[in-house]
Amino acid sequence: MRTISLITKKRVAKSIKAIFGIATILLGQVLVSSAFAWGPERATYTNEHPADYATFNSITDNVAVGDERNFVRVRELGTDSTYTDEVEVAPGKEYEVYIYFHNDAASNTNQSGVGVATNTRVASAYPTLLNPNDRGMISGILSWSYVTPSDPNNAKTGKVWDEAYLTTKAENVVLRYKTGTAIIHNDGDANGSVLPTALFTEEGTPIGFNKLTGTVPGCAEYSGYITYTLIAENTTVSLDKKVSLDGENWSESVSVDPNGIATYWVTFKNTGNTTLTNVIFKDSHDEKLSLVSGTTKVYDSANPDGKQIDDILDISGYNVGDVAPGALVQLTYQLRVANDADCGKNLKNVISADYNSTEKVSDEANVTVKGNCDPTPTPEDCTTNPNLPECQTIPDTGPVEIILAIIIVLGLCGAGFYFWRTHKKVKAVENKVSGKTEPKPVANKAEEKTEEKTPKENTPEVKPDDKKPE
């Protein structure tokens, strides 16, 4: 009786444990489907009842991973932690992303070809920068081509996706892919193959069982997973740009005459605790500015006195390589203002620094074209627009003009004399006709006075009543 009782208790305990286990799995599946955005909604299968055509990650009781719809997970690398749907990251640590794939078609469908997936590809994306309260998403997308038993001649396209998440308590945590860590794991010849960085594009990269050609037969024996590593870094940089006319007094902007030169000074510093990789400086400026050849220099720990570089800063940019924590890189160069730059125009100039292949910072310092923005017309202006009031001036006179002026004056004088002589003759004729005589000219005043005093003895006095004989 005692033995039977113990056996019964063990069986009851196992039953209770199984019930709780099933309940936990079901609850977990509900939480996964509601809290994490796997998709799309699709037909599901089980190990006992797989699909009859090529479809991925739709079995809900996979012995290895549980519900295959939750196929993207992450964990901290180098620990015994398991893959999960959300991880809190910290600078200086590495994290491993896990993407599971399984063609759920039954093995007996492979021979006819209906169960074989072709053009199978995987794509993934991850957050590049995290701050407190951020929830960065890691995505995994599987796509493939397939046919169905009812329509074996008409190829279709399938796609499924899932997500996992990263959070942090630190400021400015940068995540970057650790080169060469994207690897496929399966039981075929493709096992251990490194996937190209096309994995992180929208189109993704092909996977496969024996070769990475996109062919994946149906059944668990052809399943596998992909892993890649993300490095978490606390990266902070500072970038400052100044401009000067004399190379001593630096400011955010200056006024420069047309054809004048402005000198720029750029300071870049890695204030974080991790090395910045592939740092590229590039200058972008207004079309009325041009780089002065031979003026670009780089100052860093290897070149404390400055190193002159080619004139490529505003073309392809200049790559200084890696910049260690606390390291400083400085640039100096000159730009010339065009002769025809409009007076008063603000000429923009921006320096950018790209690093870690994904991050970028920039700063600017500008120049204003100097000069009198409302000038008086110049001879050139009067040539193009002689009707301007300012351009109405007395023309220059030469010998020809002087002779012509004399001739005109003499002509006017002659015409005036002729008019006077003609008028005098006409007047004389009029006087003669009317009986009037012209008064004789008086020689001088003395003679005039003498003549007036001479008595008029021989001139009889004419009275009013006297009449002249007719």
Protein backbone atom coordinates (compact mmCIF):
# COMPACT_ATOMS: atom_id res chain seq x y z
CA MET A 1 0.00 0.00 0.00
CA ARG A 2 2.82 2.34 0.90
CA THR A 3 4.59 1.61 -2.40
CA ILE A 4 1.42 2.18 -4.41
CA SER A 5 0.80 5.40 -2.55
CA LEU A 6 4.28 6.75 -3.39
CA ILE A 7 3.87 5.85 -7.05
CA THR A 8 0.50 7.52 -7.12
CA LYS A 9 1.88 10.66 -5.53
CA LYS A 10 4.72 10.79 -8.07
CA ARG A 11 2.28 10.37 -10.94
CA VAL A 12 0.07 13.11 -9.54
CA ALA A 13 3.09 15.38 -9.10
CA LYS A 14 4.20 14.74 -12.68
CA SER A 15 0.69 15.42 -13.95
CA ILE A 16 0.52 18.68 -12.02
CA LYS A 17 3.96 19.67 -13.27
CA ALA A 18 2.95 18.85 -16.85
CA ILE A 19 -0.22 20.89 -16.49
CA PHE A 20 1.74 23.86 -15.17
CA GLY A 21 4.30 23.40 -17.94
CA ILE A 22 1.63 23.41 -20.63
CA ALA A 23 -0.04 26.42 -19.03
CA THR A 24 3.30 28.24 -18.95
CA ILE A 25 3.95 27.47 -22.61
CA LEU A 26 0.48 28.61 -23.63
CA LEU A 27 0.77 31.78 -21.56
CA GLY A 28 4.18 32.42 -23.03
CA GLN A 29 2.81 32.02 -26.54
CA VAL A 30 -0.01 34.46 -25.78
CA LEU A 31 2.44 36.99 -24.35
CA VAL A 32 4.81 36.60 -27.30
CA SER A 33 2.11 37.08 -29.92
CA SER A 34 0.62 40.08 -28.11
CA ALA A 35 3.76 41.83 -26.88
CA PHE A 36 6.10 41.23 -29.83
CA ALA A 37 5.33 41.96 -33.45
CA TRP A 38 5.83 38.68 -35.23
CA GLY A 39 3.86 38.34 -38.41
CA PRO A 40 1.95 37.96 -40.50
CA GLU A 41 -1.04 36.07 -39.11
CA ARG A 42 -0.76 32.69 -40.82
CA ALA A 43 -1.76 29.03 -40.72
CA THR A 44 0.08 27.13 -37.98
CA TYR A 45 1.23 23.51 -37.77
CA THR A 46 2.63 21.02 -35.27
CA ASN A 47 5.34 18.39 -35.29
CA GLU A 48 2.69 15.73 -35.78
CA HIS A 49 0.93 17.61 -38.54
CA PRO A 50 3.44 19.58 -40.63
CA ALA A 51 2.61 21.60 -43.74
CA ASP A 52 2.14 20.05 -47.20
CA TYR A 53 4.05 22.87 -48.95
CA ALA A 54 7.10 25.02 -48.25
CA THR A 55 6.41 27.52 -45.48
CA PHE A 56 8.63 28.82 -42.68
CA ASN A 57 8.44 29.15 -38.90
CA SER A 58 4.81 28.25 -38.37
CA ILE A 59 5.03 25.16 -36.10
CA THR A 60 3.89 26.00 -32.59
CA ASP A 61 5.37 23.04 -30.65
CA ASN A 62 8.92 22.81 -31.98
CA VAL A 63 10.96 20.74 -29.48
CA ALA A 64 13.98 23.01 -29.86
CA VAL A 65 12.46 26.50 -29.85
CA GLY A 66 8.77 26.16 -28.91
CA ASP A 67 6.61 28.46 -31.01
CA GLU A 68 8.56 29.07 -34.20
CA ARG A 69 6.79 32.37 -34.80
CA ASN A 70 9.03 33.78 -32.08
CA PHE A 71 12.24 33.16 -34.04
CA VAL A 72 14.34 36.30 -33.32
CA ARG A 73 16.04 36.46 -29.91
CA VAL A 74 19.14 37.95 -28.28
CA ARG A 75 21.46 37.38 -25.32
CA GLU A 76 24.61 38.78 -23.73
CA LEU A 77 27.62 37.04 -25.26
CA GLY A 78 30.09 35.18 -23.05
CA THR A 79 27.56 34.31 -20.35
CA ASP A 80 25.30 31.36 -19.60
CA SER A 81 22.21 33.46 -20.24
CA THR A 82 19.63 32.10 -22.64
CA TYR A 83 18.28 33.78 -25.73
CA THR A 84 15.32 36.00 -24.92
CA ASP A 85 13.09 38.62 -26.48
CA GLU A 86 14.51 41.64 -24.66
CA VAL A 87 17.91 42.48 -23.15
CA GLU A 88 19.30 45.50 -21.33
CA VAL A 89 22.67 46.41 -22.81
CA ALA A 90 25.66 48.17 -21.24
CA PRO A 91 28.69 49.82 -22.88
CA GLY A 92 31.72 47.58 -23.25
CA LYS A 93 29.75 44.36 -23.68
CA GLU A 94 28.81 42.24 -26.67
CA TYR A 95 25.44 40.74 -27.57
CA GLU A 96 24.49 37.86 -29.85
CA VAL A 97 21.44 37.92 -32.11
CA TYR A 98 19.74 34.60 -32.95
CA ILE A 99 17.48 34.03 -36.01
CA TYR A 100 15.91 30.56 -36.38
CA PHE A 101 14.65 29.15 -39.71
CA HIS A 102 12.70 25.96 -40.44
CA ASN A 103 10.86 24.91 -43.59
CA ASP A 104 7.78 23.27 -42.04
CA ALA A 105 6.89 21.11 -45.04
CA ALA A 106 6.73 17.36 -44.40
CA SER A 107 9.76 15.39 -45.61
CA ASN A 108 7.63 13.34 -48.02
CA THR A 109 6.86 16.49 -50.04
CA ASN A 110 10.48 17.09 -51.00
CA GLN A 111 10.61 14.45 -53.74
CA SER A 112 7.84 16.09 -55.72
CA GLY A 113 9.45 19.50 -55.16
CA VAL A 114 6.36 20.95 -53.52
CA GLY A 115 8.06 20.95 -50.11
CA VAL A 116 11.32 22.59 -51.27
CA ALA A 117 11.68 26.35 -50.74
CA THR A 118 13.70 28.30 -53.32
CA ASN A 119 15.17 31.79 -53.27
CA THR A 120 15.16 31.65 -49.49
CA ARG A 121 16.65 34.81 -48.00
CA VAL A 122 17.16 36.33 -44.57
CA ALA A 123 17.42 40.04 -43.70
CA SER A 124 18.02 41.70 -40.37
CA ALA A 125 18.32 45.19 -38.86
CA TYR A 126 19.38 46.52 -35.46
CA PRO A 127 19.42 49.89 -33.64
CA THR A 128 22.64 51.87 -33.95
CA LEU A 129 22.12 54.26 -31.01
CA LEU A 130 20.38 53.77 -27.67
CA ASN A 131 19.56 56.15 -24.83
CA PRO A 132 17.56 55.65 -21.61
CA ASN A 133 13.87 55.03 -22.30
CA ASP A 134 14.69 53.83 -25.83
CA ARG A 135 13.52 50.40 -26.94
CA GLY A 136 15.62 49.49 -29.94
CA MET A 137 14.26 46.84 -32.28
CA ILE A 138 16.18 43.92 -33.81
CA SER A 139 14.29 42.49 -36.77
CA GLY A 140 14.55 39.24 -38.70
CA ILE A 141 12.76 38.61 -42.02
CA LEU A 142 12.57 35.34 -43.94
CA SER A 143 11.34 35.29 -47.54
CA TRP A 144 11.10 32.44 -50.06
CA SER A 145 9.38 31.14 -53.19
CA TYR A 146 7.09 28.07 -53.17
CA VAL A 147 4.30 26.21 -54.93
CA THR A 148 1.27 24.42 -53.51
CA PRO A 149 0.00 20.89 -54.32
CA SER A 150 -3.15 22.33 -55.84
CA ASP A 151 -1.21 24.74 -58.08
CA PRO A 152 2.29 23.31 -58.65
CA ASN A 153 2.97 25.42 -61.73
CA ASN A 154 2.33 28.80 -60.19
CA ALA A 155 5.17 30.04 -57.93
CA LYS A 156 4.25 32.23 -54.97
CA THR A 157 6.27 34.28 -52.50
CA GLY A 158 6.15 33.91 -48.73
CA LYS A 159 7.44 36.19 -45.98
CA VAL A 160 7.49 36.02 -42.17
CA TRP A 161 9.11 38.29 -39.59
CA ASP A 162 9.80 38.65 -35.90
CA GLU A 163 11.47 41.11 -33.52
CA ALA A 164 13.52 41.33 -30.34
CA TYR A 165 14.38 44.44 -28.33
CA LEU A 166 17.31 46.20 -26.65
CA THR A 167 17.20 48.78 -23.85
CA THR A 168 19.85 50.61 -21.82
CA LYS A 169 20.35 52.81 -18.77
CA ALA A 170 23.40 54.56 -20.22
CA GLU A 171 23.61 57.63 -22.44
CA ASN A 172 24.62 57.48 -26.10
CA VAL A 173 25.19 53.73 -26.40
CA VAL A 174 26.27 52.94 -29.95
CA LEU A 175 25.71 49.43 -31.34
CA ARG A 176 27.79 48.19 -34.24
CA TYR A 177 28.09 44.90 -36.07
CA LYS A 178 31.21 42.91 -35.30
CA THR A 179 32.65 42.13 -38.71
CA GLY A 180 32.62 38.47 -39.76
CA THR A 181 30.31 37.22 -37.00
CA ALA A 182 27.19 36.60 -39.12
CA ILE A 183 27.30 32.79 -39.41
CA ILE A 184 24.82 30.13 -40.53
CA HIS A 185 24.49 27.00 -38.39
CA ASN A 186 22.91 23.74 -39.70
CA ASP A 187 23.74 20.11 -40.40
CA GLY A 188 24.59 20.66 -44.06
CA ASP A 189 27.72 21.70 -45.91
CA ALA A 190 26.79 25.38 -45.49
CA ASN A 191 27.36 25.11 -41.75
CA GLY A 192 29.80 27.74 -40.47
CA SER A 193 29.57 29.91 -43.59
CA VAL A 194 29.98 33.65 -42.98
CA LEU A 195 27.12 35.65 -44.44
CA PRO A 196 27.85 38.91 -46.29
CA THR A 197 26.77 42.29 -44.96
CA ALA A 198 23.90 42.14 -47.46
CA LEU A 199 22.21 40.49 -44.48
CA PHE A 200 21.60 44.04 -43.21
CA THR A 201 19.88 45.26 -46.37
CA GLU A 202 16.20 45.22 -47.22
CA GLU A 203 16.69 42.47 -49.80
CA GLY A 204 18.78 40.32 -47.46
CA THR A 205 21.11 37.48 -48.43
CA PRO A 206 20.47 33.88 -49.65
CA ILE A 207 20.77 30.94 -47.24
CA GLY A 208 20.65 27.19 -47.85
CA PHE A 209 21.41 23.73 -46.54
CA ASN A 210 24.52 22.70 -48.50
CA LYS A 211 25.12 25.92 -50.42
CA LEU A 212 23.98 29.50 -49.94
CA THR A 213 21.81 29.38 -53.06
CA GLY A 214 18.40 29.84 -51.41
CA THR A 215 17.36 26.14 -51.53
CA VAL A 216 15.98 24.73 -48.26
CA PRO A 217 14.12 21.36 -48.26
CA GLY A 218 11.25 20.67 -45.86
CA CYS A 219 11.61 18.95 -42.46
CA ALA A 220 13.49 19.69 -39.21
CA GLU A 221 16.71 18.03 -40.38
CA TYR A 222 17.19 20.91 -42.83
CA SER A 223 16.50 23.64 -40.29
CA GLY A 224 19.15 25.91 -38.80
CA TYR A 225 19.83 29.33 -37.33
CA ILE A 226 21.92 32.43 -37.91
CA THR A 227 23.86 34.35 -35.28
CA TYR A 228 25.73 37.64 -35.34
CA THR A 229 27.36 39.84 -32.71
CA LEU A 230 26.70 43.45 -31.76
CA ILE A 231 29.23 45.52 -29.82
CA ALA A 232 27.83 48.10 -27.36
CA GLU A 233 29.98 51.21 -26.96
CA ASN A 234 29.59 54.47 -25.13
CA THR A 235 30.65 56.80 -27.92
CA THR A 236 30.70 60.56 -27.56
CA VAL A 237 32.41 62.95 -29.93
CA SER A 238 32.80 66.69 -30.23
CA LEU A 239 33.28 68.62 -33.46
CA ASP A 240 33.96 72.37 -33.60
CA LYS A 241 34.61 74.60 -36.62
CA LYS A 242 35.84 78.21 -36.61
CA VAL A 243 36.77 80.74 -39.31
CA SER A 244 39.22 83.64 -39.40
CA LEU A 245 40.62 86.30 -41.71
CA ASP A 246 44.05 86.51 -40.11
CA GLY A 247 44.49 82.97 -38.74
CA GLU A 248 44.39 84.26 -35.16
CA ASN A 249 40.98 85.70 -34.32
CA TRP A 250 38.56 82.79 -34.69
CA SER A 251 34.77 83.07 -34.75
CA GLU A 252 31.60 81.48 -36.11
CA SER A 253 31.49 83.82 -39.13
CA VAL A 254 33.46 86.59 -40.84
CA SER A 255 32.96 89.13 -43.66
CA VAL A 256 35.20 88.60 -46.68
CA ASP A 257 35.75 90.73 -49.80
CA PRO A 258 35.20 89.15 -53.23
CA ASN A 259 38.35 87.21 -54.15
CA GLY A 260 39.25 87.23 -50.46
CA ILE A 261 40.37 84.16 -48.47
CA ALA A 262 38.94 82.70 -45.25
CA THR A 263 40.90 80.26 -43.06
CA TYR A 264 39.06 77.44 -41.25
CA TRP A 265 40.07 75.50 -38.13
CA VAL A 266 38.35 72.19 -37.23
CA THR A 267 38.72 70.28 -33.95
CA PHE A 268 37.41 66.70 -33.56
CA LYS A 269 37.72 64.80 -30.27
CA ASN A 270 36.74 61.30 -29.16
CA THR A 271 35.34 61.89 -25.67
CA GLY A 272 33.98 58.36 -25.30
CA ASN A 273 35.59 55.19 -23.96
CA THR A 274 35.82 53.22 -27.20
CA THR A 275 37.82 53.64 -30.40
CA LEU A 276 36.08 55.31 -33.33
CA THR A 277 36.70 53.51 -36.60
CA ASN A 278 36.95 54.76 -40.17
CA VAL A 279 36.70 58.48 -39.35
CA ILE A 280 36.18 60.47 -42.57
CA PHE A 281 36.17 64.28 -42.78
CA LYS A 282 34.40 66.04 -45.64
CA ASP A 283 33.80 69.71 -46.39
CA SER A 284 30.66 70.98 -48.14
CA HIS A 285 30.46 74.62 -49.18
CA ASP A 286 28.61 77.19 -51.27
CA GLU A 287 29.41 77.21 -54.99
CA LYS A 288 30.92 80.70 -54.61
CA LEU A 289 33.62 79.21 -52.36
CA SER A 290 36.56 77.15 -53.60
CA LEU A 291 39.31 75.26 -51.79
CA VAL A 292 42.70 76.97 -52.02
CA SER A 293 45.13 74.35 -53.32
CA GLY A 294 47.82 73.14 -50.94
CA THR A 295 46.32 74.66 -47.78
CA THR A 296 44.78 71.56 -46.16
CA LYS A 297 46.69 70.16 -43.19
CA VAL A 298 45.91 67.47 -40.60
CA TYR A 299 47.20 67.56 -37.02
CA ASP A 300 47.07 64.46 -34.79
CA SER A 301 49.28 62.42 -32.47
CA ALA A 302 51.25 61.08 -35.44
CA ASN A 303 51.58 64.55 -37.05
CA PRO A 304 51.89 67.13 -34.25
CA ASP A 305 53.38 69.70 -36.66
CA GLY A 306 50.76 69.09 -39.30
CA LYS A 307 50.66 67.00 -42.44
CA GLN A 308 49.68 68.49 -45.79
CA ILE A 309 47.16 66.37 -47.69
CA ASP A 310 45.79 66.37 -51.22
CA ASP A 311 43.00 68.73 -52.25
CA ILE A 312 40.26 66.13 -51.68
CA LEU A 313 38.54 67.43 -48.55
CA ASP A 314 35.60 68.84 -50.54
CA ILE A 315 35.54 66.02 -53.10
CA SER A 316 35.83 62.50 -51.65
CA GLY A 317 36.76 63.56 -48.13
CA TYR A 318 39.80 62.52 -46.08
CA ASN A 319 39.94 59.31 -44.01
CA VAL A 320 42.09 59.63 -40.87
CA GLY A 321 41.42 56.01 -39.84
CA ASP A 322 40.72 55.13 -36.20
CA VAL A 323 40.56 57.66 -33.38
CA ALA A 324 41.26 56.31 -29.89
CA PRO A 325 39.40 57.40 -26.72
CA GLY A 326 40.54 60.90 -25.71
CA ALA A 327 42.39 61.45 -29.01
CA LEU A 328 42.24 64.74 -30.90
CA VAL A 329 42.30 65.41 -34.65
CA GLN A 330 42.50 68.93 -36.10
CA LEU A 331 42.26 70.29 -39.64
CA THR A 332 43.07 73.64 -41.20
CA TYR A 333 42.36 74.80 -44.74
CA GLN A 334 41.43 77.90 -46.75
CA LEU A 335 38.56 78.79 -49.06
CA ARG A 336 38.46 81.64 -51.58
CA VAL A 337 35.39 83.80 -52.24
CA ALA A 338 34.51 84.15 -55.93
CA ASN A 339 34.96 87.53 -57.65
CA ASP A 340 31.32 87.59 -58.71
CA ALA A 341 29.88 86.64 -55.31
CA ASP A 342 26.83 88.78 -54.51
CA CYS A 343 27.42 91.50 -51.97
CA GLY A 344 25.91 90.65 -48.57
CA LYS A 345 25.31 86.98 -49.42
CA ASN A 346 25.92 84.40 -46.68
CA LEU A 347 28.15 81.60 -48.01
CA LYS A 348 27.54 78.42 -46.03
CA ASN A 349 30.33 76.00 -45.16
CA VAL A 350 29.86 72.68 -43.31
CA ILE A 351 32.40 70.12 -42.08
CA SER A 352 31.20 66.58 -41.31
CA ALA A 353 32.88 63.61 -39.65
CA ASP A 354 31.57 60.10 -40.39
CA TYR A 355 32.70 57.26 -38.12
CA ASN A 356 31.93 53.62 -37.26
CA SER A 357 30.42 53.41 -40.77
CA THR A 358 27.04 54.53 -39.43
CA GLU A 359 27.48 57.64 -37.27
CA LYS A 360 27.93 61.26 -38.32
CA VAL A 361 28.43 64.69 -36.73
CA SER A 362 28.78 68.11 -38.38
CA ASP A 363 29.39 71.78 -37.65
CA GLU A 364 29.52 74.96 -39.73
CA ALA A 365 31.23 78.35 -39.94
CA ASN A 366 30.15 80.79 -42.64
CA VAL A 367 31.34 83.92 -44.45
CA THR A 368 29.40 86.96 -45.62
CA VAL A 369 30.45 88.68 -48.83
CA LYS A 370 31.72 92.13 -47.91
CA GLY A 371 31.38 95.44 -49.83
CA ASN A 372 29.05 98.36 -50.62
CA CYS A 373 25.79 96.65 -51.48
CA ASP A 374 24.38 99.85 -53.22
CA PRO A 375 27.33 101.21 -55.24
CA THR A 376 27.28 104.26 -57.59
CA PRO A 377 27.44 103.39 -61.28
CA THR A 378 30.87 102.69 -62.67
CA PRO A 379 31.92 103.35 -66.28
CA GLU A 380 31.03 99.75 -66.98
CA ASP A 381 27.56 100.34 -65.57
CA CYS A 382 27.05 103.37 -67.82
CA THR A 383 28.20 101.33 -70.78
CA THR A 384 25.54 98.74 -70.15
CA ASN A 385 22.88 101.26 -69.08
CA PRO A 386 23.73 104.80 -70.29
CA ASN A 387 20.27 106.12 -69.38
CA LEU A 388 21.02 106.10 -65.65
CA PRO A 389 20.86 109.68 -64.24
CA GLU A 390 24.31 109.24 -62.76
CA CYS A 391 25.65 108.47 -66.21
CA GLN A 392 24.46 111.72 -67.90
CA THR A 393 27.81 113.61 -68.15
CA ILE A 394 29.23 116.32 -70.50
CA PRO A 395 30.92 114.59 -73.40
CA ASP A 396 34.60 115.00 -73.93
CA THR A 397 35.67 117.65 -76.66
CA GLY A 398 38.47 117.26 -79.12
CA PRO A 399 39.87 119.41 -82.00
CA VAL A 400 37.06 118.45 -84.36
CA GLU A 401 34.42 119.38 -81.82
CA ILE A 402 36.15 122.74 -81.11
CA ILE A 403 36.33 123.71 -84.82
CA LEU A 404 32.70 122.74 -85.28
CA ALA A 405 31.71 124.88 -82.29
CA ILE A 406 33.61 127.92 -83.75
CA ILE A 407 31.89 127.50 -87.11
CA ILE A 408 28.50 127.37 -85.41
CA VAL A 409 29.28 130.52 -83.36
CA LEU A 410 30.51 132.42 -86.44
CA GLY A 411 27.44 131.34 -88.34
CA LEU A 412 25.19 132.64 -85.59
CA CYS A 413 27.07 135.94 -85.52
CA GLY A 414 26.84 136.35 -89.30
CA ALA A 415 23.14 135.62 -89.22
CA GLY A 416 22.68 138.21 -86.48
CA PHE A 417 24.62 140.89 -88.42
CA TYR A 418 22.65 140.15 -91.56
CA PHE A 419 19.40 140.47 -89.63
CA TRP A 420 20.52 143.84 -88.16
CA ARG A 421 21.55 145.28 -91.58
CA THR A 422 18.29 144.17 -93.17
CA HIS A 423 16.26 145.70 -90.36
CA LYS A 424 18.15 149.00 -90.70
CA LYS A 425 17.50 149.23 -94.47
CA VAL A 426 13.81 148.51 -94.02
CA LYS A 427 13.59 151.25 -91.39
CA ALA A 428 15.23 153.82 -93.68
CA VAL A 429 12.76 153.05 -96.45
CA GLU A 430 9.84 153.45 -94.07
CA ASN A 431 11.14 156.84 -92.90
CA LYS A 432 11.61 158.06 -96.44
CA VAL A 433 8.10 157.12 -97.40
CA SER A 434 6.64 158.83 -94.36
CA GLY A 435 8.71 162.05 -94.80
CA LYS A 436 10.79 161.43 -91.77
CA THR A 437 14.47 161.88 -91.85
CA GLU A 438 16.89 160.00 -89.90
CA PRO A 439 18.53 162.06 -87.20
CA LYS A 440 22.11 162.78 -87.91
CA PRO A 441 24.49 161.35 -85.48
CA VAL A 442 25.75 163.78 -82.88
CA ALA A 443 29.49 164.12 -82.87
CA ASN A 444 29.73 164.99 -79.23
CA LYS A 445 27.86 166.58 -76.42
CA ALA A 446 29.62 169.91 -76.80
CA GLU A 447 28.47 170.24 -80.40
CA GLU A 448 24.93 169.28 -79.37
CA LYS A 449 24.78 172.00 -76.74
CA THR A 450 26.17 174.67 -79.12
CA GLU A 451 23.62 173.86 -81.77
CA GLU A 452 20.78 174.27 -79.30
CA LYS A 453 21.93 177.83 -78.32
CA THR A 454 21.98 179.10 -81.96
CA PRO A 455 18.99 181.50 -82.46
CA LYS A 456 16.56 180.50 -85.14
CA GLU A 457 16.41 183.85 -86.95
CA ASN A 458 15.40 182.65 -90.39
CA THR A 459 12.68 180.28 -89.23
CA PRO A 460 9.25 181.91 -89.18
CA GLU A 461 6.93 181.06 -86.34
CA VAL A 462 3.87 179.08 -87.42
CA LYS A 463 0.72 179.87 -85.60
CA PRO A 464 -2.24 177.59 -85.27
CA ASP A 465 -4.50 179.75 -87.48
CA ASP A 466 -1.98 179.98 -90.26
CA LYS A 467 -2.52 177.53 -93.06
CA LYS A 468 -0.08 176.41 -95.61
CA PRO A 469 -1.06 177.11 -99.17
CA GLU A 470 -2.24 174.23 -101.08
